[in-house]
Amino acid sequence: MIKFKPYKAREPNYKNQLYLFLGAWTNLILARYDAFFAIKQEAPKPNKN
């Protein structure tokens, strides 16, 4: 017969969650930043040889 261990809630890993949260935020912000500046920038002019 299988003996189940009683479920013990481990203390939350705050540091890990914080890093995940920060990573998500930076990705979001950088993506928006890039999009914003891509729109603002002029298209590169074709150089005439």
Protein backbone atom coordinates (compact mmCIF):
# COMPACT_ATOMS: atom_id res chain seq x y z
CA MET A 1 0.00 0.00 0.00
CA ILE A 2 1.26 3.48 -0.85
CA LYS A 3 1.93 5.72 2.10
CA PHE A 4 1.34 9.37 1.32
CA LYS A 5 3.48 11.90 3.09
CA PRO A 6 1.42 14.63 4.70
CA TYR A 7 1.57 17.72 2.54
CA LYS A 8 3.94 20.21 4.07
CA ALA A 9 3.78 23.67 2.56
CA ARG A 10 7.30 24.85 1.94
CA GLU A 11 7.99 28.48 2.68
CA PRO A 12 7.65 30.55 -0.50
CA ASN A 13 10.86 31.35 -2.31
CA TYR A 14 10.51 35.11 -2.35
CA LYS A 15 13.85 35.77 -4.01
CA ASN A 16 13.01 33.49 -6.92
CA GLN A 17 9.57 35.04 -7.35
CA LEU A 18 11.06 38.52 -7.19
CA TYR A 19 13.58 37.71 -9.91
CA LEU A 20 10.87 36.20 -12.11
CA PHE A 21 8.69 39.27 -11.56
CA LEU A 22 11.53 41.67 -12.35
CA GLY A 23 12.51 39.68 -15.42
CA ALA A 24 8.96 39.78 -16.73
CA TRP A 25 8.72 43.52 -16.12
CA THR A 26 12.04 44.33 -17.77
CA ASN A 27 11.11 42.22 -20.80
CA LEU A 28 7.79 44.02 -21.09
CA ILE A 29 9.32 47.48 -20.70
CA LEU A 30 12.17 46.80 -23.11
CA ALA A 31 9.80 45.40 -25.72
CA ARG A 32 7.63 48.52 -25.50
CA TYR A 33 10.69 50.77 -25.51
CA ASP A 34 12.05 49.11 -28.65
CA ALA A 35 8.70 49.32 -30.41
CA PHE A 36 8.32 52.98 -29.46
CA PHE A 37 11.73 53.95 -30.76
CA ALA A 38 11.40 51.81 -33.87
CA ILE A 39 8.34 53.86 -34.75
CA LYS A 40 10.09 57.14 -33.92
CA GLN A 41 13.24 56.43 -35.91
CA GLU A 42 13.41 57.42 -39.55
CA ALA A 43 13.76 54.66 -42.08
CA PRO A 44 17.40 54.28 -43.18
CA LYS A 45 17.93 56.16 -46.41
CA PRO A 46 19.21 54.05 -49.31
CA ASN A 47 22.74 55.19 -50.11
CA LYS A 48 23.27 56.17 -53.72
CA ASN A 49 26.49 54.85 -55.18
